[in-house]
Structures are given as C-alpha cells and as structure tokens.
C-alpha atoms as a PDB file:
ATOM      1  CA  UNK A   1      77.400 132.851  55.623  1.00  0.00           C
ATOM      2  CA  UNK A   2      76.903 136.535  54.969  1.00  0.00           C
ATOM      3  CA  UNK A   3      76.904 139.314  57.511  1.00  0.00           C
ATOM      4  CA  UNK A   4      73.463 139.782  58.966  1.00  0.00           C
ATOM      5  CA  UNK A   5      72.331 136.306  57.906  1.00  0.00           C
ATOM      6  CA  UNK A   6      70.153 134.449  60.369  1.00  0.00           C
ATOM      7  CA  UNK A   7      71.710 131.343  61.943  1.00  0.00           C
ATOM      8  CA  UNK A   8      69.451 128.414  62.572  1.00  0.00           C
ATOM      9  CA  UNK A   9      70.194 125.616  65.063  1.00  0.00           C
ATOM     10  CA  UNK A  10      71.343 122.276  63.751  1.00  0.00           C
ATOM     11  CA  UNK A  11      68.563 119.926  62.596  1.00  0.00           C
ATOM     12  CA  UNK A  12      66.617 118.638  65.566  1.00  0.00           C
ATOM     13  CA  UNK A  13      67.768 121.608  67.658  1.00  0.00           C
ATOM     14  CA  UNK A  14      70.854 119.797  68.907  1.00  0.00           C
ATOM     15  CA  UNK A  15      74.356 121.086  68.526  1.00  0.00           C
ATOM     16  CA  UNK A  16      77.541 119.083  68.107  1.00  0.00           C
ATOM     17  CA  UNK A  17      78.628 120.081  71.619  1.00  0.00           C
ATOM     18  CA  UNK A  18      75.464 118.538  73.043  1.00  0.00           C
ATOM     19  CA  UNK A  19      76.157 115.280  71.217  1.00  0.00           C
ATOM     20  CA  UNK A  20      79.746 115.240  72.449  1.00  0.00           C
ATOM     21  CA  UNK A  21      78.490 115.746  76.013  1.00  0.00           C
ATOM     22  CA  UNK A  22      76.078 112.829  75.713  1.00  0.00           C
ATOM     23  CA  UNK A  23      78.824 110.583  74.342  1.00  0.00           C
ATOM     24  CA  UNK A  24      81.167 111.566  77.184  1.00  0.00           C
ATOM     25  CA  UNK A  25      78.476 110.896  79.786  1.00  0.00           C
ATOM     26  CA  UNK A  26      77.711 107.480  78.312  1.00  0.00           C
ATOM     27  CA  UNK A  27      81.418 106.611  78.207  1.00  0.00           C
ATOM     28  CA  UNK A  28      81.856 107.611  81.861  1.00  0.00           C
ATOM     29  CA  UNK A  29      78.878 105.476  82.857  1.00  0.00           C
ATOM     30  CA  UNK A  30      80.235 102.478  80.966  1.00  0.00           C
ATOM     31  CA  UNK A  31      83.645 102.908  82.589  1.00  0.00           C
ATOM     32  CA  UNK A  32      82.087 103.059  86.074  1.00  0.00           C
ATOM     33  CA  UNK A  33      80.037  99.928  85.384  1.00  0.00           C
ATOM     34  CA  UNK A  34      83.078  98.019  84.142  1.00  0.00           C
ATOM     35  CA  UNK A  35      85.218  99.134  87.090  1.00  0.00           C
ATOM     36  CA  UNK A  36      82.918  97.241  89.463  1.00  0.00           C
ATOM     37  CA  UNK A  37      82.541  97.793  93.167  1.00  0.00           C
ATOM     38  CA  UNK A  38      85.472  98.693  95.388  1.00  0.00           C
ATOM     39  CA  UNK A  39      87.316  95.703  96.812  1.00  0.00           C
ATOM     40  CA  UNK A  40      86.098  94.559 100.192  1.00  0.00           C
ATOM     41  CA  UNK A  41      88.774  92.847 102.175  1.00  0.00           C
ATOM     42  CA  UNK A  42      89.044  92.443 105.901  1.00  0.00           C
ATOM     43  CA  UNK A  43      87.275  90.372 108.488  1.00  0.00           C
ATOM     44  CA  UNK A  44      85.651  91.647 111.689  1.00  0.00           C
ATOM     45  CA  UNK A  45      88.160  89.520 113.631  1.00  0.00           C
ATOM     46  CA  UNK A  46      91.041  91.282 111.859  1.00  0.00           C
ATOM     47  CA  UNK A  47      89.592  94.674 112.747  1.00  0.00           C
ATOM     48  CA  UNK A  48      89.188  93.727 116.426  1.00  0.00           C
ATOM     49  CA  UNK A  49      92.718  92.296 116.593  1.00  0.00           C
ATOM     50  CA  UNK A  50      94.078  95.312 114.711  1.00  0.00           C
ATOM     51  CA  UNK A  51      92.558  97.690 117.241  1.00  0.00           C
ATOM     52  CA  UNK A  52      94.446  95.880 120.001  1.00  0.00           C
ATOM     53  CA  UNK A  53      97.756  95.950 118.116  1.00  0.00           C
ATOM     54  CA  UNK A  54      97.231  99.624 117.229  1.00  0.00           C
ATOM     55  CA  UNK A  55      96.610 100.514 120.887  1.00  0.00           C
ATOM     56  CA  UNK A  56      99.751  98.669 121.998  1.00  0.00           C
ATOM     57  CA  UNK A  57     102.161  99.553 119.182  1.00  0.00           C
ATOM     58  CA  UNK A  58     100.934 102.618 117.270  1.00  0.00           C
ATOM     59  CA  UNK A  59      98.851 104.912 119.483  1.00  0.00           C
ATOM     60  CA  UNK A  60     101.822 106.343 121.381  1.00  0.00           C
ATOM     61  CA  UNK A  61     102.937 108.175 118.225  1.00  0.00           C
ATOM     62  CA  UNK A  62      99.778 108.347 116.086  1.00  0.00           C
ATOM     63  CA  UNK A  63      97.273 108.957 118.888  1.00  0.00           C
ATOM     64  CA  UNK A  64      94.375 106.895 120.211  1.00  0.00           C
ATOM     65  CA  UNK A  65      92.135 108.195 117.425  1.00  0.00           C
ATOM     66  CA  UNK A  66      94.792 108.211 114.710  1.00  0.00           C
ATOM     67  CA  UNK A  67      95.130 111.984 114.870  1.00  0.00           C
ATOM     68  CA  UNK A  68      98.954 111.943 114.724  1.00  0.00           C
ATOM     69  CA  UNK A  69     101.405 114.535 116.045  1.00  0.00           C
ATOM     70  CA  UNK A  70     101.640 113.271 119.619  1.00  0.00           C
ATOM     71  CA  UNK A  71     104.016 115.029 122.054  1.00  0.00           C
ATOM     72  CA  UNK A  72     106.674 112.308 121.758  1.00  0.00           C
ATOM     73  CA  UNK A  73     106.275 112.113 117.972  1.00  0.00           C
ATOM     74  CA  UNK A  74     105.251 115.522 116.616  1.00  0.00           C
ATOM     75  CA  UNK A  75     105.966 114.446 113.015  1.00  0.00           C
ATOM     76  CA  UNK A  76     103.796 111.311 113.144  1.00  0.00           C
ATOM     77  CA  UNK A  77     101.120 111.659 110.451  1.00  0.00           C
ATOM     78  CA  UNK A  78      97.427 111.270 111.064  1.00  0.00           C
ATOM     79  CA  UNK A  79      96.124 107.825 110.129  1.00  0.00           C
ATOM     80  CA  UNK A  80      92.394 108.389 110.358  1.00  0.00           C
ATOM     81  CA  UNK A  81      90.580 111.140 108.494  1.00  0.00           C
ATOM     82  CA  UNK A  82      90.020 112.581 105.034  1.00  0.00           C
ATOM     83  CA  UNK A  83      93.728 113.276 104.447  1.00  0.00           C
ATOM     84  CA  UNK A  84      95.000 110.029 105.973  1.00  0.00           C
ATOM     85  CA  UNK A  85      96.895 107.370 103.997  1.00  0.00           C
ATOM     86  CA  UNK A  86      96.783 109.415 100.786  1.00  0.00           C
ATOM     87  CA  UNK A  87     100.452 108.905  99.975  1.00  0.00           C
ATOM     88  CA  UNK A  88      99.928 105.259  99.052  1.00  0.00           C
ATOM     89  CA  UNK A  89      98.516 103.700  95.858  1.00  0.00           C
ATOM     90  CA  UNK A  90      96.918 100.698  97.496  1.00  0.00           C
ATOM     91  CA  UNK A  91      96.992  98.637 100.685  1.00  0.00           C
ATOM     92  CA  UNK A  92      99.922  96.527  99.457  1.00  0.00           C
ATOM     93  CA  UNK A  93     101.960  99.717  99.054  1.00  0.00           C
ATOM     94  CA  UNK A  94     100.966 100.770 102.589  1.00  0.00           C
ATOM     95  CA  UNK A  95     101.829  97.314 103.972  1.00  0.00           C
ATOM     96  CA  UNK A  96     105.270  97.361 102.333  1.00  0.00           C
ATOM     97  CA  UNK A  97     106.002 100.741 103.896  1.00  0.00           C
ATOM     98  CA  UNK A  98     104.592  99.819 107.292  1.00  0.00           C
ATOM     99  CA  UNK A  99     106.474  96.546 107.670  1.00  0.00           C
ATOM    100  CA  UNK A 100     109.743  98.280 106.731  1.00  0.00           C
ATOM    101  CA  UNK A 101     109.300 101.421 108.855  1.00  0.00           C
ATOM    102  CA  UNK A 102     106.900 100.785 111.760  1.00  0.00           C
ATOM    103  CA  UNK A 103     106.875 100.906 114.672  1.00  0.00           C
ATOM    104  CA  UNK A 104     109.392 103.646 114.273  1.00  0.00           C
ATOM    105  CA  UNK A 105     111.427 102.551 117.285  1.00  0.00           C
ATOM    106  CA  UNK A 106     111.545  98.888 116.144  1.00  0.00           C
ATOM    107  CA  UNK A 107     110.607  98.480 112.443  1.00  0.00           C
ATOM    108  CA  UNK A 108     109.508  95.022 111.365  1.00  0.00           C
ATOM    109  CA  UNK A 109     109.101  93.811 114.948  1.00  0.00           C
ATOM    110  CA  UNK A 110     105.466  92.767 114.581  1.00  0.00           C
ATOM    111  CA  UNK A 111     104.316  89.524 112.996  1.00  0.00           C
ATOM    112  CA  UNK A 112     102.972  89.893 109.435  1.00  0.00           C
ATOM    113  CA  UNK A 113      99.483  89.007 110.691  1.00  0.00           C
ATOM    114  CA  UNK A 114      99.661  91.893 113.195  1.00  0.00           C
ATOM    115  CA  UNK A 115     100.527  94.354 110.428  1.00  0.00           C
ATOM    116  CA  UNK A 116      97.608  93.114 108.302  1.00  0.00           C
ATOM    117  CA  UNK A 117      95.290  93.417 111.302  1.00  0.00           C
ATOM    118  CA  UNK A 118      96.341  97.007 112.007  1.00  0.00           C
ATOM    119  CA  UNK A 119      95.774  97.882 108.350  1.00  0.00           C
ATOM    120  CA  UNK A 120      92.336  96.216 108.482  1.00  0.00           C
ATOM    121  CA  UNK A 121      91.481  98.400 111.491  1.00  0.00           C
ATOM    122  CA  UNK A 122      92.707 101.518 109.672  1.00  0.00           C
ATOM    123  CA  UNK A 123      90.666 100.658 106.572  1.00  0.00           C
ATOM    124  CA  UNK A 124      87.571 100.203 108.715  1.00  0.00           C
ATOM    125  CA  UNK A 125      88.152 103.473 110.586  1.00  0.00           C
ATOM    126  CA  UNK A 126      88.613 105.354 107.302  1.00  0.00           C
ATOM    127  CA  UNK A 127      85.708 103.672 105.485  1.00  0.00           C
ATOM    128  CA  UNK A 128      88.077 102.601 102.695  1.00  0.00           C
ATOM    129  CA  UNK A 129      86.909  99.007 102.428  1.00  0.00           C
ATOM    130  CA  UNK A 130      84.394  96.732 104.051  1.00  0.00           C
ATOM    131  CA  UNK A 131      84.086  93.244 105.487  1.00  0.00           C
ATOM    132  CA  UNK A 132      84.908  90.519 103.001  1.00  0.00           C
ATOM    133  CA  UNK A 133      87.793  88.188 102.371  1.00  0.00           C
ATOM    134  CA  UNK A 134      90.675  88.386 104.859  1.00  0.00           C
ATOM    135  CA  UNK A 135      93.061  91.261 104.245  1.00  0.00           C
ATOM    136  CA  UNK A 136      96.437  89.930 103.138  1.00  0.00           C
ATOM    137  CA  UNK A 137      98.765  89.507 100.173  1.00  0.00           C
ATOM    138  CA  UNK A 138      95.997  88.103  97.951  1.00  0.00           C
ATOM    139  CA  UNK A 139      93.645  91.062  98.452  1.00  0.00           C
ATOM    140  CA  UNK A 140      95.761  94.100  99.364  1.00  0.00           C
ATOM    141  CA  UNK A 141      96.663  95.311  95.871  1.00  0.00           C
ATOM    142  CA  UNK A 142      92.969  95.391  94.942  1.00  0.00           C
ATOM    143  CA  UNK A 143      92.153  98.031  97.544  1.00  0.00           C
ATOM    144  CA  UNK A 144      92.975 101.501  96.279  1.00  0.00           C
ATOM    145  CA  UNK A 145      93.850 104.248  98.714  1.00  0.00           C
ATOM    146  CA  UNK A 146      93.309 106.988  96.102  1.00  0.00           C
ATOM    147  CA  UNK A 147      90.381 109.205  96.992  1.00  0.00           C
END
C-alpha cells in the first residue's frame, strides 16, 4: 500500500476481528450448553433438619443469620451471603473441612447426616443449589462453590 492510498473494508464489509468475535461467541455458547445445568442436590427435609442443627451447633459462633463474627467468636466467617463459602471448590471440599474442624469446640462431634443437613441448609440459604437428590457423598462433588 502506498501513502495516501484509500483503504477499503474487507469483502462483505467484515473484518477479521469481527469473524474472530463471532467464533469466540459461538464457542462460549457451545461450552455453556455442554456444561449443563448446575447440580441440584438436597431435599427439603435435609434443609429443615439442617436449620435445626445449625441453630443448635453453629449459630453461637456464626450467628443466627450466618453473618459470622459473633462476640464469643470474632473470627468466625460469615456463612450466608455473596462472599460466603468462597474458599472451597465444591461441597465435598466444604464437607471435608467441616467434619474435621466444626464445631470448633468439638470437631467431628456431629453425625455425618447432621453435617450434610447443615450444608444443605447453607446451600439453600445461599442459592447455590436447589432441591433434587439428597445431598451426600454421591452428589457433593458435583456442586461447585465457585461464583
């Protein structure tokens, strides 16, 4: 091309950048379609039971509404809200931590079913899953906590 020469758009008026954008958009749509819906795993009974366990075993440190930082446990993290549970990959990761470390004054003292129920209640409160199969070892790794 010479100085002062007129540049014309690519044939059809479309540039290579436009084509690359369309390809990227189509690829993103295909990926989203293949990823499928988010896993849905807890039962209403688990949520109701989890609320009871939470009130008895967790609320003293994490607060009645999951707000965390109660007077007797100022370092307790919030469990309900946009920034809650973000340090875990999936529900299985959260379960493994919870059963090993909670309640803080007596880790591992709850029955496995009680831990699953509390996690079901937390998922429901955070809108991270929905009613479906029971929450447990078979479903927990399919529920991502990444937001």
